[in-house]
Every structure is written in C-alpha cells, then in structure tokens.
PDB file of N, CA and C in Angstrom:
ATOM      1  N   MET A   1    -178.135  87.971 -80.049  1.00  0.00           N
ATOM      2  CA  MET A   1    -177.273  87.771 -78.888  1.00  0.00           C
ATOM      3  C   MET A   1    -178.112  87.224 -77.741  1.00  0.00           C
ATOM      4  N   TYR A   2    -177.594  86.177 -77.126  1.00  0.00           N
ATOM      5  CA  TYR A   2    -178.248  85.602 -75.967  1.00  0.00           C
ATOM      6  C   TYR A   2    -177.841  86.381 -74.722  1.00  0.00           C
ATOM      7  N   PHE A   3    -178.671  86.313 -73.693  1.00  0.00           N
ATOM      8  CA  PHE A   3    -178.367  86.969 -72.432  1.00  0.00           C
ATOM      9  C   PHE A   3    -177.039  86.461 -71.870  1.00  0.00           C
ATOM     10  N   THR A   4    -176.754  85.169 -72.054  1.00  0.00           N
ATOM     11  CA  THR A   4    -175.513  84.591 -71.517  1.00  0.00           C
ATOM     12  C   THR A   4    -174.275  85.170 -72.177  1.00  0.00           C
ATOM     13  N   ASP A   5    -174.419  85.729 -73.381  1.00  0.00           N
ATOM     14  CA  ASP A   5    -173.253  86.289 -74.064  1.00  0.00           C
ATOM     15  C   ASP A   5    -172.575  87.373 -73.235  1.00  0.00           C
ATOM     16  N   ARG A   6    -173.350  88.149 -72.499  1.00  0.00           N
ATOM     17  CA  ARG A   6    -172.736  89.204 -71.679  1.00  0.00           C
ATOM     18  C   ARG A   6    -171.824  88.621 -70.617  1.00  0.00           C
ATOM     19  N   GLY A   7    -172.300  87.568 -69.971  1.00  0.00           N
ATOM     20  CA  GLY A   7    -171.472  86.921 -68.953  1.00  0.00           C
ATOM     21  C   GLY A   7    -170.241  86.268 -69.548  1.00  0.00           C
ATOM     22  N   LEU A   8    -170.397  85.666 -70.707  1.00  0.00           N
ATOM     23  CA  LEU A   8    -169.255  85.035 -71.368  1.00  0.00           C
ATOM     24  C   LEU A   8    -168.247  86.083 -71.820  1.00  0.00           C
ATOM     25  N   GLU A   9    -168.733  87.200 -72.312  1.00  0.00           N
ATOM     26  CA  GLU A   9    -167.826  88.283 -72.709  1.00  0.00           C
ATOM     27  C   GLU A   9    -167.079  88.835 -71.498  1.00  0.00           C
ATOM     28  N   GLU A  10    -167.775  88.981 -70.371  1.00  0.00           N
ATOM     29  CA  GLU A  10    -167.109  89.470 -69.156  1.00  0.00           C
ATOM     30  C   GLU A  10    -166.048  88.473 -68.701  1.00  0.00           C
ATOM     31  N   LEU A  11    -166.375  87.196 -68.746  1.00  0.00           N
ATOM     32  CA  LEU A  11    -165.408  86.164 -68.370  1.00  0.00           C
ATOM     33  C   LEU A  11    -164.163  86.244 -69.239  1.00  0.00           C
ATOM     34  N   GLU A  12    -164.375  86.373 -70.526  1.00  0.00           N
ATOM     35  CA  GLU A  12    -163.231  86.461 -71.447  1.00  0.00           C
ATOM     36  C   GLU A  12    -162.404  87.719 -71.208  1.00  0.00           C
ATOM     37  N   GLU A  13    -163.059  88.833 -70.973  1.00  0.00           N
ATOM     38  CA  GLU A  13    -162.348  90.089 -70.741  1.00  0.00           C
ATOM     39  C   GLU A  13    -161.565  90.067 -69.437  1.00  0.00           C
ATOM     40  N   ARG A  14    -162.175  89.534 -68.370  1.00  0.00           N
ATOM     41  CA  ARG A  14    -161.534  89.558 -67.055  1.00  0.00           C
ATOM     42  C   ARG A  14    -160.499  88.456 -66.869  1.00  0.00           C
ATOM     43  N   ARG A  15    -160.765  87.278 -67.443  1.00  0.00           N
ATOM     44  CA  ARG A  15    -159.916  86.128 -67.131  1.00  0.00           C
ATOM     45  C   ARG A  15    -159.386  85.422 -68.366  1.00  0.00           C
ATOM     46  N   GLY A  16    -159.548  86.053 -69.522  1.00  0.00           N
ATOM     47  CA  GLY A  16    -159.187  85.425 -70.785  1.00  0.00           C
ATOM     48  C   GLY A  16    -157.729  85.050 -70.942  1.00  0.00           C
ATOM     49  N   ASP A  17    -156.844  85.705 -70.224  1.00  0.00           N
ATOM     50  CA  ASP A  17    -155.416  85.412 -70.342  1.00  0.00           C
ATOM     51  C   ASP A  17    -154.944  84.348 -69.352  1.00  0.00           C
ATOM     52  N   GLU A  18    -155.838  83.919 -68.451  1.00  0.00           N
ATOM     53  CA  GLU A  18    -155.463  82.928 -67.447  1.00  0.00           C
ATOM     54  C   GLU A  18    -155.541  81.521 -68.005  1.00  0.00           C
ATOM     55  N   GLU A  19    -154.741  80.636 -67.441  1.00  0.00           N
ATOM     56  CA  GLU A  19    -154.833  79.223 -67.751  1.00  0.00           C
ATOM     57  C   GLU A  19    -155.379  78.513 -66.527  1.00  0.00           C
ATOM     58  N   VAL A  20    -156.337  77.624 -66.741  1.00  0.00           N
ATOM     59  CA  VAL A  20    -156.943  76.885 -65.635  1.00  0.00           C
ATOM     60  C   VAL A  20    -156.988  75.402 -65.990  1.00  0.00           C
ATOM     61  N   THR A  21    -157.121  74.590 -64.969  1.00  0.00           N
ATOM     62  CA  THR A  21    -157.276  73.156 -65.189  1.00  0.00           C
ATOM     63  C   THR A  21    -158.760  72.805 -65.196  1.00  0.00           C
ATOM     64  N   LEU A  22    -159.057  71.656 -65.743  1.00  0.00           N
ATOM     65  CA  LEU A  22    -160.441  71.192 -65.710  1.00  0.00           C
ATOM     66  C   LEU A  22    -160.852  70.846 -64.281  1.00  0.00           C
ATOM     67  N   ALA A  23    -159.901  70.446 -63.451  1.00  0.00           N
ATOM     68  CA  ALA A  23    -160.203  70.187 -62.044  1.00  0.00           C
ATOM     69  C   ALA A  23    -160.646  71.475 -61.352  1.00  0.00           C
ATOM     70  N   TRP A  24    -159.978  72.588 -61.658  1.00  0.00           N
ATOM     71  CA  TRP A  24    -160.372  73.886 -61.099  1.00  0.00           C
ATOM     72  C   TRP A  24    -161.784  74.252 -61.567  1.00  0.00           C
ATOM     73  N   LEU A  25    -162.040  74.064 -62.858  1.00  0.00           N
ATOM     74  CA  LEU A  25    -163.361  74.376 -63.399  1.00  0.00           C
ATOM     75  C   LEU A  25    -164.432  73.519 -62.743  1.00  0.00           C
ATOM     76  N   ALA A  26    -164.173  72.233 -62.584  1.00  0.00           N
ATOM     77  CA  ALA A  26    -165.141  71.344 -61.937  1.00  0.00           C
ATOM     78  C   ALA A  26    -165.424  71.790 -60.506  1.00  0.00           C
ATOM     79  N   ALA A  27    -164.389  72.193 -59.779  1.00  0.00           N
ATOM     80  CA  ALA A  27    -164.584  72.672 -58.405  1.00  0.00           C
ATOM     81  C   ALA A  27    -165.424  73.945 -58.385  1.00  0.00           C
ATOM     82  N   LYS A  28    -165.171  74.853 -59.327  1.00  0.00           N
ATOM     83  CA  LYS A  28    -165.961  76.092 -59.397  1.00  0.00           C
ATOM     84  C   LYS A  28    -167.416  75.792 -59.738  1.00  0.00           C
ATOM     85  N   LEU A  29    -167.638  74.847 -60.665  1.00  0.00           N
ATOM     86  CA  LEU A  29    -169.011  74.482 -61.020  1.00  0.00           C
ATOM     87  C   LEU A  29    -169.728  73.822 -59.842  1.00  0.00           C
ATOM     88  N   ARG A  30    -169.018  72.973 -59.081  1.00  0.00           N
ATOM     89  CA  ARG A  30    -169.626  72.370 -57.884  1.00  0.00           C
ATOM     90  C   ARG A  30    -170.010  73.437 -56.869  1.00  0.00           C
ATOM     91  N   ALA A  31    -169.124  74.394 -56.657  1.00  0.00           N
ATOM     92  CA  ALA A  31    -169.417  75.475 -55.709  1.00  0.00           C
ATOM     93  C   ALA A  31    -170.616  76.298 -56.185  1.00  0.00           C
ATOM     94  N   PHE A  32    -170.686  76.534 -57.488  1.00  0.00           N
ATOM     95  CA  PHE A  32    -171.811  77.287 -58.043  1.00  0.00           C
ATOM     96  C   PHE A  32    -173.124  76.546 -57.809  1.00  0.00           C
ATOM     97  N   VAL A  33    -173.132  75.233 -58.068  1.00  0.00           N
ATOM     98  CA  VAL A  33    -174.361  74.451 -57.868  1.00  0.00           C
ATOM     99  C   VAL A  33    -174.722  74.386 -56.383  1.00  0.00           C
ATOM    100  N   ASP A  34    -173.722  74.302 -55.510  1.00  0.00           N
ATOM    101  CA  ASP A  34    -174.006  74.317 -54.073  1.00  0.00           C
ATOM    102  C   ASP A  34    -174.729  75.598 -53.674  1.00  0.00           C
ATOM    103  N   ALA A  35    -174.306  76.710 -54.260  1.00  0.00           N
ATOM    104  CA  ALA A  35    -174.909  78.008 -53.943  1.00  0.00           C
ATOM    105  C   ALA A  35    -176.199  78.264 -54.729  1.00  0.00           C
ATOM    106  N   ASN A  36    -176.361  77.577 -55.859  1.00  0.00           N
ATOM    107  CA  ASN A  36    -177.501  77.801 -56.753  1.00  0.00           C
ATOM    108  C   ASN A  36    -178.047  76.460 -57.243  1.00  0.00           C
ATOM    109  N   PRO A  37    -178.658  75.672 -56.365  1.00  0.00           N
ATOM    110  CA  PRO A  37    -179.080  74.325 -56.755  1.00  0.00           C
ATOM    111  C   PRO A  37    -180.094  74.291 -57.899  1.00  0.00           C
ATOM    112  N   GLU A  38    -180.777  75.380 -58.147  1.00  0.00           N
ATOM    113  CA  GLU A  38    -181.743  75.413 -59.245  1.00  0.00           C
ATOM    114  C   GLU A  38    -181.069  75.302 -60.615  1.00  0.00           C
ATOM    115  N   PHE A  39    -179.748  75.496 -60.663  1.00  0.00           N
ATOM    116  CA  PHE A  39    -179.004  75.390 -61.915  1.00  0.00           C
ATOM    117  C   PHE A  39    -178.279  74.048 -62.071  1.00  0.00           C
ATOM    118  N   GLU A  40    -178.598  73.100 -61.211  1.00  0.00           N
ATOM    119  CA  GLU A  40    -177.913  71.816 -61.239  1.00  0.00           C
ATOM    120  C   GLU A  40    -178.026  71.131 -62.609  1.00  0.00           C
ATOM    121  N   THR A  41    -179.202  71.112 -63.191  1.00  0.00           N
ATOM    122  CA  THR A  41    -179.395  70.456 -64.479  1.00  0.00           C
ATOM    123  C   THR A  41    -178.585  71.137 -65.577  1.00  0.00           C
ATOM    124  N   ALA A  42    -178.608  72.449 -65.617  1.00  0.00           N
ATOM    125  CA  ALA A  42    -177.862  73.181 -66.639  1.00  0.00           C
ATOM    126  C   ALA A  42    -176.359  72.933 -66.503  1.00  0.00           C
ATOM    127  N   VAL A  43    -175.850  72.950 -65.282  1.00  0.00           N
ATOM    128  CA  VAL A  43    -174.418  72.729 -65.062  1.00  0.00           C
ATOM    129  C   VAL A  43    -174.052  71.295 -65.419  1.00  0.00           C
ATOM    130  N   GLU A  44    -174.914  70.344 -65.081  1.00  0.00           N
ATOM    131  CA  GLU A  44    -174.666  68.951 -65.432  1.00  0.00           C
ATOM    132  C   GLU A  44    -174.613  68.787 -66.943  1.00  0.00           C
ATOM    133  N   ARG A  45    -175.521  69.438 -67.651  1.00  0.00           N
ATOM    134  CA  ARG A  45    -175.523  69.353 -69.119  1.00  0.00           C
ATOM    135  C   ARG A  45    -174.270  69.980 -69.716  1.00  0.00           C
ATOM    136  N   LEU A  46    -173.843  71.110 -69.177  1.00  0.00           N
ATOM    137  CA  LEU A  46    -172.619  71.747 -69.658  1.00  0.00           C
ATOM    138  C   LEU A  46    -171.409  70.858 -69.405  1.00  0.00           C
ATOM    139  N   ALA A  47    -171.305  70.306 -68.204  1.00  0.00           N
ATOM    140  CA  ALA A  47    -170.171  69.442 -67.874  1.00  0.00           C
ATOM    141  C   ALA A  47    -170.141  68.213 -68.780  1.00  0.00           C
ATOM    142  N   THR A  48    -171.299  67.620 -69.038  1.00  0.00           N
ATOM    143  CA  THR A  48    -171.369  66.466 -69.927  1.00  0.00           C
ATOM    144  C   THR A  48    -170.971  66.848 -71.342  1.00  0.00           C
ATOM    145  N   TYR A  49    -171.439  67.992 -71.800  1.00  0.00           N
ATOM    146  CA  TYR A  49    -171.072  68.483 -73.132  1.00  0.00           C
ATOM    147  C   TYR A  49    -169.559  68.657 -73.247  1.00  0.00           C
ATOM    148  N   LEU A  50    -168.956  69.285 -72.247  1.00  0.00           N
ATOM    149  CA  LEU A  50    -167.505  69.505 -72.278  1.00  0.00           C
ATOM    150  C   LEU A  50    -166.744  68.187 -72.192  1.00  0.00           C
ATOM    151  N   ALA A  51    -167.225  67.257 -71.385  1.00  0.00           N
ATOM    152  CA  ALA A  51    -166.546  65.973 -71.221  1.00  0.00           C
ATOM    153  C   ALA A  51    -166.582  65.147 -72.499  1.00  0.00           C
ATOM    154  N   ARG A  52    -167.647  65.275 -73.263  1.00  0.00           N
ATOM    155  CA  ARG A  52    -167.823  64.438 -74.445  1.00  0.00           C
ATOM    156  C   ARG A  52    -167.573  65.175 -75.749  1.00  0.00           C
ATOM    157  N   ASP A  53    -167.073  66.379 -75.696  1.00  0.00           N
ATOM    158  CA  ASP A  53    -166.929  67.217 -76.870  1.00  0.00           C
ATOM    159  C   ASP A  53    -166.071  66.595 -77.973  1.00  0.00           C
ATOM    160  N   ASP A  54    -165.141  65.742 -77.610  1.00  0.00           N
ATOM    161  CA  ASP A  54    -164.246  65.171 -78.618  1.00  0.00           C
ATOM    162  C   ASP A  54    -164.754  63.863 -79.202  1.00  0.00           C
ATOM    163  N   GLU A  55    -165.934  63.404 -78.833  1.00  0.00           N
ATOM    164  CA  GLU A  55    -166.452  62.137 -79.335  1.00  0.00           C
ATOM    165  C   GLU A  55    -166.727  62.159 -80.834  1.00  0.00           C
ATOM    166  N   ASP A  56    -167.020  63.329 -81.398  1.00  0.00           N
ATOM    167  CA  ASP A  56    -167.331  63.413 -82.809  1.00  0.00           C
ATOM    168  C   ASP A  56    -166.092  63.511 -83.692  1.00  0.00           C
ATOM    169  N   ASP A  57    -164.917  63.688 -83.105  1.00  0.00           N
ATOM    170  CA  ASP A  57    -163.685  63.837 -83.889  1.00  0.00           C
ATOM    171  C   ASP A  57    -163.269  62.558 -84.554  1.00  0.00           C
TER     172      ASP A  57
END
C-alpha cells in the first residue's frame, strides 16, 4: 500500500457518492497548486494523465 492510498480511501469514503465535473476538479487542482507550489509537477502529470487516458482505447 502506498501512502497516497490513505488519502484516496478517505476521498472515496467522504465524497464517493458525489458527482463532479472536470472543470470543478481542474479548479480544485489549481487552488491546490496555488497553496502548494512544490506539487506543481505532480499535479501537472496527473492532469495530463487524466486528459490523455483514452488515447490507448
């Protein structure tokens, strides 16, 4: 188990029944990077991964 699994499990438990838009997610990620600029590269990689996830289909 990775350390991030705990955060992902908490996210699923607390907000798993909610529906969100990708625009909402992008805004939350921007706010996170504004508050935590040291994670800019990781967030950029995640956003790129999510944006291109269907390229292999």
